[in-house]
Amino acid sequence: MKKSLAELIGTFSLVLFGCGAAGISGISATGPAGIGLLGISFAFGLTVVVMAYAIGPISGCHINPAITISMLVAGKIKTGEAVQYIVAQFIGATLAAGVLYIIESGAPGFMMNEWALGANGWGPGYLAAYNTTSAFITETVLTFLFLLVIFKTTARWGNSTMAGLAIGLTLVLIHLVAIPITGTSVNPARSFGPAIFAGGLALQQLWLFIVAPVLGGILAALVWKGVFEDFVSA
């Protein structure tokens, strides 16, 4: 239960700070210029860094179902524990999206537009309007690379002291590329929470942000187990 609660809190924090930065501080219609793409990227990445050191010793700080499933495929977590992690992650993300909705609805003239609360998406009307193929490839490949970094930095011969920083900075780089394409998910829970409240196209497109990151995570686990794990452990 302590591990699941840690995952819930970690995922809650990721959505609250990351999606909050995108929805509240990313662009300001009436005040100073928002924090922009770079600021949003660092909001997500720095949250992972902070949570890695805060809850990493408790649960490993997955805070992402794609990571948990990848670790399951790689044999680093048991099925029962993985299910508990995933449930906790989705609950944490949904609670955070609810808190964001309450906060954002307090602004004058608030409206729940398509892809509100930092929801992920693609196609006409969403940021740079990339198509489904671009969105799917982006989410799959970037999740794949993200998991390879996680496997290596948390391996027996990795630098455990610096692992949280390396993983967080990798997420910053991922966001710098993917925000114009999909808003950047690489995390089904991060996409689920905002989509539940935003509804509409955000909810209709949610399937991609579950399937593509999980696929990328599974591929990374297979490559790690089949190619790199023995080499790193030698």
C-alpha atoms as a PDB file:
ATOM      1  CA  MET A   1       0.000   0.000   0.000  1.00  0.00           C
ATOM      2  CA  LYS A   2       2.866   2.384   0.757  1.00  0.00           C
ATOM      3  CA  LYS A   3       4.311   1.793  -2.711  1.00  0.00           C
ATOM      4  CA  SER A   4       0.938   2.314  -4.391  1.00  0.00           C
ATOM      5  CA  LEU A   5       0.319   5.489  -2.391  1.00  0.00           C
ATOM      6  CA  ALA A   6       3.754   6.766  -3.417  1.00  0.00           C
ATOM      7  CA  GLU A   7       2.880   6.101  -7.071  1.00  0.00           C
ATOM      8  CA  LEU A   8      -0.439   7.884  -6.654  1.00  0.00           C
ATOM      9  CA  ILE A   9       1.229  10.946  -5.133  1.00  0.00           C
ATOM     10  CA  GLY A  10       3.988  10.950  -7.737  1.00  0.00           C
ATOM     11  CA  THR A  11       1.591  10.734 -10.685  1.00  0.00           C
ATOM     12  CA  PHE A  12      -0.667  13.338  -9.088  1.00  0.00           C
ATOM     13  CA  SER A  13       2.327  15.680  -8.856  1.00  0.00           C
ATOM     14  CA  LEU A  14       3.395  15.046 -12.454  1.00  0.00           C
ATOM     15  CA  VAL A  15      -0.033  15.935 -13.841  1.00  0.00           C
ATOM     16  CA  LEU A  16      -0.586  18.844 -11.470  1.00  0.00           C
ATOM     17  CA  PHE A  17       2.756  20.514 -12.179  1.00  0.00           C
ATOM     18  CA  GLY A  18       3.205  19.472 -15.809  1.00  0.00           C
ATOM     19  CA  CYS A  19      -0.324  19.957 -17.107  1.00  0.00           C
ATOM     20  CA  GLY A  20      -0.756  22.905 -14.757  1.00  0.00           C
ATOM     21  CA  ALA A  21       2.255  24.577 -16.326  1.00  0.00           C
ATOM     22  CA  ALA A  22       0.782  23.941 -19.777  1.00  0.00           C
ATOM     23  CA  GLY A  23      -2.767  25.044 -18.985  1.00  0.00           C
ATOM     24  CA  ILE A  24      -2.156  27.868 -16.532  1.00  0.00           C
ATOM     25  CA  SER A  25       1.338  29.229 -17.122  1.00  0.00           C
ATOM     26  CA  GLY A  26       1.990  28.110 -20.691  1.00  0.00           C
ATOM     27  CA  ILE A  27       0.146  30.933 -22.409  1.00  0.00           C
ATOM     28  CA  SER A  28      -1.406  34.000 -20.816  1.00  0.00           C
ATOM     29  CA  ALA A  29      -4.087  35.818 -22.762  1.00  0.00           C
ATOM     30  CA  THR A  30      -4.182  38.892 -20.547  1.00  0.00           C
ATOM     31  CA  GLY A  31      -0.949  39.012 -18.581  1.00  0.00           C
ATOM     32  CA  PRO A  32       2.757  38.604 -19.352  1.00  0.00           C
ATOM     33  CA  ALA A  33       3.924  36.063 -21.902  1.00  0.00           C
ATOM     34  CA  GLY A  34       3.638  32.467 -20.691  1.00  0.00           C
ATOM     35  CA  ILE A  35       6.509  30.122 -19.924  1.00  0.00           C
ATOM     36  CA  GLY A  36       6.289  28.604 -23.408  1.00  0.00           C
ATOM     37  CA  LEU A  37       7.492  25.252 -24.731  1.00  0.00           C
ATOM     38  CA  LEU A  38      10.782  25.283 -22.821  1.00  0.00           C
ATOM     39  CA  GLY A  39       9.112  26.117 -19.529  1.00  0.00           C
ATOM     40  CA  ILE A  40       6.487  23.395 -19.930  1.00  0.00           C
ATOM     41  CA  SER A  41       9.177  20.869 -20.855  1.00  0.00           C
ATOM     42  CA  PHE A  42      11.131  21.662 -17.707  1.00  0.00           C
ATOM     43  CA  ALA A  43       7.965  21.526 -15.582  1.00  0.00           C
ATOM     44  CA  PHE A  44       7.433  17.891 -16.545  1.00  0.00           C
ATOM     45  CA  GLY A  45      11.108  16.959 -16.392  1.00  0.00           C
ATOM     46  CA  LEU A  46      11.829  18.639 -13.070  1.00  0.00           C
ATOM     47  CA  THR A  47       8.779  17.017 -11.506  1.00  0.00           C
ATOM     48  CA  VAL A  48      10.212  13.626 -12.431  1.00  0.00           C
ATOM     49  CA  VAL A  49      13.590  14.604 -10.963  1.00  0.00           C
ATOM     50  CA  VAL A  50      12.010  15.720  -7.687  1.00  0.00           C
ATOM     51  CA  MET A  51       9.733  12.679  -7.426  1.00  0.00           C
ATOM     52  CA  ALA A  52      12.563  10.296  -8.306  1.00  0.00           C
ATOM     53  CA  TYR A  53      14.457  11.398  -5.221  1.00  0.00           C
ATOM     54  CA  ALA A  54      11.323  11.763  -3.073  1.00  0.00           C
ATOM     55  CA  ILE A  55       9.531   8.474  -3.744  1.00  0.00           C
ATOM     56  CA  GLY A  56      12.128   6.532  -5.727  1.00  0.00           C
ATOM     57  CA  PRO A  57      13.387   4.704  -2.620  1.00  0.00           C
ATOM     58  CA  ILE A  58       9.791   3.659  -1.843  1.00  0.00           C
ATOM     59  CA  SER A  59       8.300   2.554  -5.165  1.00  0.00           C
ATOM     60  CA  GLY A  60      10.959   3.162  -7.807  1.00  0.00           C
ATOM     61  CA  CYS A  61       9.011   6.218  -9.013  1.00  0.00           C
ATOM     62  CA  HIS A  62       7.395   4.749 -12.108  1.00  0.00           C
ATOM     63  CA  ILE A  63       4.489   7.259 -12.089  1.00  0.00           C
ATOM     64  CA  ASN A  64       3.716   6.000 -15.597  1.00  0.00           C
ATOM     65  CA  PRO A  65       1.859   2.818 -16.638  1.00  0.00           C
ATOM     66  CA  ALA A  66       4.108   2.437 -19.686  1.00  0.00           C
ATOM     67  CA  ILE A  67       7.128   2.229 -17.377  1.00  0.00           C
ATOM     68  CA  THR A  68       5.395  -0.245 -15.070  1.00  0.00           C
ATOM     69  CA  ILE A  69       4.364  -2.493 -17.973  1.00  0.00           C
ATOM     70  CA  SER A  70       7.867  -2.284 -19.433  1.00  0.00           C
ATOM     71  CA  MET A  71       9.353  -3.281 -16.072  1.00  0.00           C
ATOM     72  CA  LEU A  72       6.871  -6.159 -15.887  1.00  0.00           C
ATOM     73  CA  VAL A  73       7.928  -7.438 -19.321  1.00  0.00           C
ATOM     74  CA  ALA A  74      11.573  -7.116 -18.272  1.00  0.00           C
ATOM     75  CA  GLY A  75      10.878  -9.185 -15.153  1.00  0.00           C
ATOM     76  CA  LYS A  76      11.674  -6.386 -12.709  1.00  0.00           C
ATOM     77  CA  ILE A  77       8.248  -6.247 -11.023  1.00  0.00           C
ATOM     78  CA  LYS A  78       5.586  -8.863 -10.241  1.00  0.00           C
ATOM     79  CA  THR A  79       2.193  -8.849 -11.923  1.00  0.00           C
ATOM     80  CA  GLY A  80       0.163  -8.130  -8.776  1.00  0.00           C
ATOM     81  CA  GLU A  81       2.341  -5.206  -7.813  1.00  0.00           C
ATOM     82  CA  ALA A  82       2.279  -3.868 -11.370  1.00  0.00           C
ATOM     83  CA  VAL A  83      -1.536  -3.861 -11.366  1.00  0.00           C
ATOM     84  CA  GLN A  84      -1.582  -1.963  -8.065  1.00  0.00           C
ATOM     85  CA  TYR A  85       0.899   0.572  -9.438  1.00  0.00           C
ATOM     86  CA  ILE A  86      -1.134   1.157 -12.605  1.00  0.00           C
ATOM     87  CA  VAL A  87      -4.410   1.604 -10.732  1.00  0.00           C
ATOM     88  CA  ALA A  88      -2.733   4.075  -8.366  1.00  0.00           C
ATOM     89  CA  GLN A  89      -1.203   5.991 -11.292  1.00  0.00           C
ATOM     90  CA  PHE A  90      -4.539   6.422 -13.054  1.00  0.00           C
ATOM     91  CA  ILE A  91      -6.217   7.510  -9.825  1.00  0.00           C
ATOM     92  CA  GLY A  92      -3.460  10.027  -9.097  1.00  0.00           C
ATOM     93  CA  ALA A  93      -3.644  11.492 -12.605  1.00  0.00           C
ATOM     94  CA  THR A  94      -7.436  11.794 -12.440  1.00  0.00           C
ATOM     95  CA  LEU A  95      -7.376  13.481  -9.036  1.00  0.00           C
ATOM     96  CA  ALA A  96      -4.767  15.963 -10.278  1.00  0.00           C
ATOM     97  CA  ALA A  97      -6.841  16.773 -13.364  1.00  0.00           C
ATOM     98  CA  GLY A  98      -9.824  17.358 -11.081  1.00  0.00           C
ATOM     99  CA  VAL A  99      -7.811  19.768  -8.945  1.00  0.00           C
ATOM    100  CA  LEU A 100      -6.631  21.565 -12.086  1.00  0.00           C
ATOM    101  CA  TYR A 101     -10.231  21.871 -13.278  1.00  0.00           C
ATOM    102  CA  ILE A 102     -11.271  23.446  -9.986  1.00  0.00           C
ATOM    103  CA  ILE A 103      -8.336  25.882 -10.098  1.00  0.00           C
ATOM    104  CA  GLU A 104      -8.719  26.852 -13.759  1.00  0.00           C
ATOM    105  CA  SER A 105     -12.493  27.242 -13.495  1.00  0.00           C
ATOM    106  CA  GLY A 106     -11.871  30.081 -11.032  1.00  0.00           C
ATOM    107  CA  ALA A 107     -10.514  32.315 -13.805  1.00  0.00           C
ATOM    108  CA  PRO A 108     -12.881  34.936 -15.315  1.00  0.00           C
ATOM    109  CA  GLY A 109     -14.472  33.697 -18.533  1.00  0.00           C
ATOM    110  CA  PHE A 110     -13.244  30.119 -18.081  1.00  0.00           C
ATOM    111  CA  MET A 111     -14.411  27.669 -20.750  1.00  0.00           C
ATOM    112  CA  MET A 112     -13.648  23.977 -21.201  1.00  0.00           C
ATOM    113  CA  ASN A 113     -12.317  24.028 -24.733  1.00  0.00           C
ATOM    114  CA  GLU A 114     -11.229  21.004 -26.768  1.00  0.00           C
ATOM    115  CA  TRP A 115      -8.108  19.434 -25.247  1.00  0.00           C
ATOM    116  CA  ALA A 116      -8.467  21.483 -22.065  1.00  0.00           C
ATOM    117  CA  LEU A 117      -6.357  20.985 -18.912  1.00  0.00           C
ATOM    118  CA  GLY A 118      -3.246  20.154 -20.924  1.00  0.00           C
ATOM    119  CA  ALA A 119      -4.859  17.163 -22.652  1.00  0.00           C
ATOM    120  CA  ASN A 120      -2.944  15.386 -25.400  1.00  0.00           C
ATOM    121  CA  GLY A 121      -4.146  15.236 -28.989  1.00  0.00           C
ATOM    122  CA  TRP A 122      -3.287  15.611 -32.652  1.00  0.00           C
ATOM    123  CA  GLY A 123      -4.801  16.648 -35.970  1.00  0.00           C
ATOM    124  CA  PRO A 124      -6.633  19.796 -37.133  1.00  0.00           C
ATOM    125  CA  GLY A 125      -7.119  22.283 -34.334  1.00  0.00           C
ATOM    126  CA  TYR A 126      -4.404  20.830 -32.100  1.00  0.00           C
ATOM    127  CA  LEU A 127      -1.154  22.833 -31.974  1.00  0.00           C
ATOM    128  CA  ALA A 128       0.796  22.077 -35.194  1.00  0.00           C
ATOM    129  CA  ALA A 129      -1.960  19.754 -36.546  1.00  0.00           C
ATOM    130  CA  TYR A 130       0.243  16.683 -37.161  1.00  0.00           C
ATOM    131  CA  ASN A 131      -1.561  13.589 -38.435  1.00  0.00           C
ATOM    132  CA  THR A 132      -2.256  10.279 -36.690  1.00  0.00           C
ATOM    133  CA  THR A 133       0.817   8.526 -38.107  1.00  0.00           C
ATOM    134  CA  SER A 134       3.161  11.243 -36.892  1.00  0.00           C
ATOM    135  CA  ALA A 135       1.524  11.212 -33.465  1.00  0.00           C
ATOM    136  CA  PHE A 136       1.711   7.428 -33.110  1.00  0.00           C
ATOM    137  CA  ILE A 137       5.334   7.175 -34.246  1.00  0.00           C
ATOM    138  CA  THR A 138       6.357  10.063 -31.997  1.00  0.00           C
ATOM    139  CA  GLU A 139       4.773   8.556 -28.887  1.00  0.00           C
ATOM    140  CA  THR A 140       6.085   5.043 -29.593  1.00  0.00           C
ATOM    141  CA  VAL A 141       9.676   5.973 -30.427  1.00  0.00           C
ATOM    142  CA  LEU A 142      10.117   8.552 -27.676  1.00  0.00           C
ATOM    143  CA  THR A 143       8.694   6.177 -25.055  1.00  0.00           C
ATOM    144  CA  PHE A 144      11.056   3.488 -26.341  1.00  0.00           C
ATOM    145  CA  LEU A 145      14.081   5.778 -25.920  1.00  0.00           C
ATOM    146  CA  PHE A 146      12.817   7.014 -22.540  1.00  0.00           C
ATOM    147  CA  LEU A 147      12.628   3.452 -21.214  1.00  0.00           C
ATOM    148  CA  LEU A 148      16.088   2.566 -22.512  1.00  0.00           C
ATOM    149  CA  VAL A 149      17.493   5.486 -20.526  1.00  0.00           C
ATOM    150  CA  ILE A 150      15.581   4.319 -17.457  1.00  0.00           C
ATOM    151  CA  PHE A 151      16.795   0.722 -17.791  1.00  0.00           C
ATOM    152  CA  LYS A 152      20.430   1.780 -18.176  1.00  0.00           C
ATOM    153  CA  THR A 153      20.557   4.436 -15.458  1.00  0.00           C
ATOM    154  CA  THR A 154      18.801   2.196 -12.925  1.00  0.00           C
ATOM    155  CA  ALA A 155      20.787  -0.939 -13.807  1.00  0.00           C
ATOM    156  CA  ARG A 156      23.230  -2.470 -11.352  1.00  0.00           C
ATOM    157  CA  TRP A 157      26.145  -0.702 -13.006  1.00  0.00           C
ATOM    158  CA  GLY A 158      24.332   2.570 -13.554  1.00  0.00           C
ATOM    159  CA  ASN A 159      24.954   5.690 -11.497  1.00  0.00           C
ATOM    160  CA  SER A 160      22.031   5.484  -9.074  1.00  0.00           C
ATOM    161  CA  THR A 161      22.843   8.900  -7.583  1.00  0.00           C
ATOM    162  CA  MET A 162      22.381  10.608 -10.934  1.00  0.00           C
ATOM    163  CA  ALA A 163      19.609   8.378 -12.319  1.00  0.00           C
ATOM    164  CA  GLY A 164      16.772  10.700 -11.325  1.00  0.00           C
ATOM    165  CA  LEU A 165      18.447  13.684 -12.953  1.00  0.00           C
ATOM    166  CA  ALA A 166      19.216  11.790 -16.173  1.00  0.00           C
ATOM    167  CA  ILE A 167      15.653  10.465 -16.439  1.00  0.00           C
ATOM    168  CA  GLY A 168      14.138  13.882 -15.767  1.00  0.00           C
ATOM    169  CA  LEU A 169      16.358  15.599 -18.325  1.00  0.00           C
ATOM    170  CA  THR A 170      15.448  12.928 -20.872  1.00  0.00           C
ATOM    171  CA  LEU A 171      11.803  13.809 -20.330  1.00  0.00           C
ATOM    172  CA  VAL A 172      12.650  17.480 -20.913  1.00  0.00           C
ATOM    173  CA  LEU A 173      14.226  16.564 -24.268  1.00  0.00           C
ATOM    174  CA  ILE A 174      11.208  14.436 -25.188  1.00  0.00           C
ATOM    175  CA  HIS A 175       8.856  17.337 -24.507  1.00  0.00           C
ATOM    176  CA  LEU A 176      10.955  19.737 -26.570  1.00  0.00           C
ATOM    177  CA  VAL A 177      10.353  17.527 -29.605  1.00  0.00           C
ATOM    178  CA  ALA A 178       6.844  16.211 -28.991  1.00  0.00           C
ATOM    179  CA  ILE A 179       4.855  19.145 -27.588  1.00  0.00           C
ATOM    180  CA  PRO A 180       3.980  20.592 -31.041  1.00  0.00           C
ATOM    181  CA  ILE A 181       2.991  17.115 -32.273  1.00  0.00           C
ATOM    182  CA  THR A 182       0.941  15.581 -29.443  1.00  0.00           C
ATOM    183  CA  GLY A 183       1.456  17.817 -26.416  1.00  0.00           C
ATOM    184  CA  THR A 184       3.710  14.953 -25.241  1.00  0.00           C
ATOM    185  CA  SER A 185       2.339  11.989 -23.384  1.00  0.00           C
ATOM    186  CA  VAL A 186       4.712   8.974 -23.249  1.00  0.00           C
ATOM    187  CA  ASN A 187       2.513   8.216 -20.217  1.00  0.00           C
ATOM    188  CA  PRO A 188      -1.048   6.816 -20.445  1.00  0.00           C
ATOM    189  CA  ALA A 189      -2.010   8.068 -16.972  1.00  0.00           C
ATOM    190  CA  ARG A 190      -0.850  11.617 -17.748  1.00  0.00           C
ATOM    191  CA  SER A 191      -3.152  11.566 -20.796  1.00  0.00           C
ATOM    192  CA  PHE A 192      -6.062   9.828 -19.056  1.00  0.00           C
ATOM    193  CA  GLY A 193      -6.678  12.343 -16.261  1.00  0.00           C
ATOM    194  CA  PRO A 194      -7.082  15.493 -18.395  1.00  0.00           C
ATOM    195  CA  ALA A 195      -9.009  13.612 -21.118  1.00  0.00           C
ATOM    196  CA  ILE A 196     -11.618  12.409 -18.617  1.00  0.00           C
ATOM    197  CA  PHE A 197     -12.454  16.006 -17.710  1.00  0.00           C
ATOM    198  CA  ALA A 198     -11.943  17.567 -21.153  1.00  0.00           C
ATOM    199  CA  GLY A 199     -14.064  14.954 -22.962  1.00  0.00           C
ATOM    200  CA  GLY A 200     -14.708  15.459 -26.675  1.00  0.00           C
ATOM    201  CA  LEU A 201     -11.761  14.897 -28.980  1.00  0.00           C
ATOM    202  CA  ALA A 202      -9.336  14.527 -26.079  1.00  0.00           C
ATOM    203  CA  LEU A 203     -11.279  11.480 -24.901  1.00  0.00           C
ATOM    204  CA  GLN A 204     -11.782  10.131 -28.424  1.00  0.00           C
ATOM    205  CA  GLN A 205      -8.052  10.294 -29.103  1.00  0.00           C
ATOM    206  CA  LEU A 206      -7.023   8.814 -25.758  1.00  0.00           C
ATOM    207  CA  TRP A 207      -6.507   5.350 -27.276  1.00  0.00           C
ATOM    208  CA  LEU A 208      -3.315   6.469 -29.023  1.00  0.00           C
ATOM    209  CA  PHE A 209      -1.796   7.726 -25.784  1.00  0.00           C
ATOM    210  CA  ILE A 210      -2.409   4.351 -24.191  1.00  0.00           C
ATOM    211  CA  VAL A 211      -1.409   2.066 -27.060  1.00  0.00           C
ATOM    212  CA  ALA A 212       1.676   3.891 -28.394  1.00  0.00           C
ATOM    213  CA  PRO A 213       3.499   4.450 -25.067  1.00  0.00           C
ATOM    214  CA  VAL A 214       2.778   0.881 -23.924  1.00  0.00           C
ATOM    215  CA  LEU A 215       4.062  -0.447 -27.254  1.00  0.00           C
ATOM    216  CA  GLY A 216       7.213   1.668 -26.955  1.00  0.00           C
ATOM    217  CA  GLY A 217       7.740   0.456 -23.397  1.00  0.00           C
ATOM    218  CA  ILE A 218       7.334  -3.212 -24.351  1.00  0.00           C
ATOM    219  CA  LEU A 219       9.763  -2.844 -27.260  1.00  0.00           C
ATOM    220  CA  ALA A 220      12.304  -1.197 -24.948  1.00  0.00           C
ATOM    221  CA  ALA A 221      11.994  -4.055 -22.439  1.00  0.00           C
ATOM    222  CA  LEU A 222      12.532  -6.641 -25.175  1.00  0.00           C
ATOM    223  CA  VAL A 223      15.551  -4.808 -26.570  1.00  0.00           C
ATOM    224  CA  TRP A 224      17.006  -4.314 -23.091  1.00  0.00           C
ATOM    225  CA  LYS A 225      16.566  -7.976 -22.160  1.00  0.00           C
ATOM    226  CA  GLY A 226      17.695  -9.307 -25.512  1.00  0.00           C
ATOM    227  CA  VAL A 227      20.604  -7.013 -26.312  1.00  0.00           C
ATOM    228  CA  PHE A 228      21.907  -4.806 -23.510  1.00  0.00           C
ATOM    229  CA  GLU A 229      21.210  -6.354 -20.107  1.00  0.00           C
ATOM    230  CA  ASP A 230      23.883  -9.081 -20.275  1.00  0.00           C
ATOM    231  CA  PHE A 231      26.415  -6.622 -21.707  1.00  0.00           C
ATOM    232  CA  VAL A 232      25.837  -4.094 -18.926  1.00  0.00           C
ATOM    233  CA  SER A 233      25.952  -6.803 -16.255  1.00  0.00           C
ATOM    234  CA  ALA A 234      29.151  -8.373 -17.592  1.00  0.00           C
END
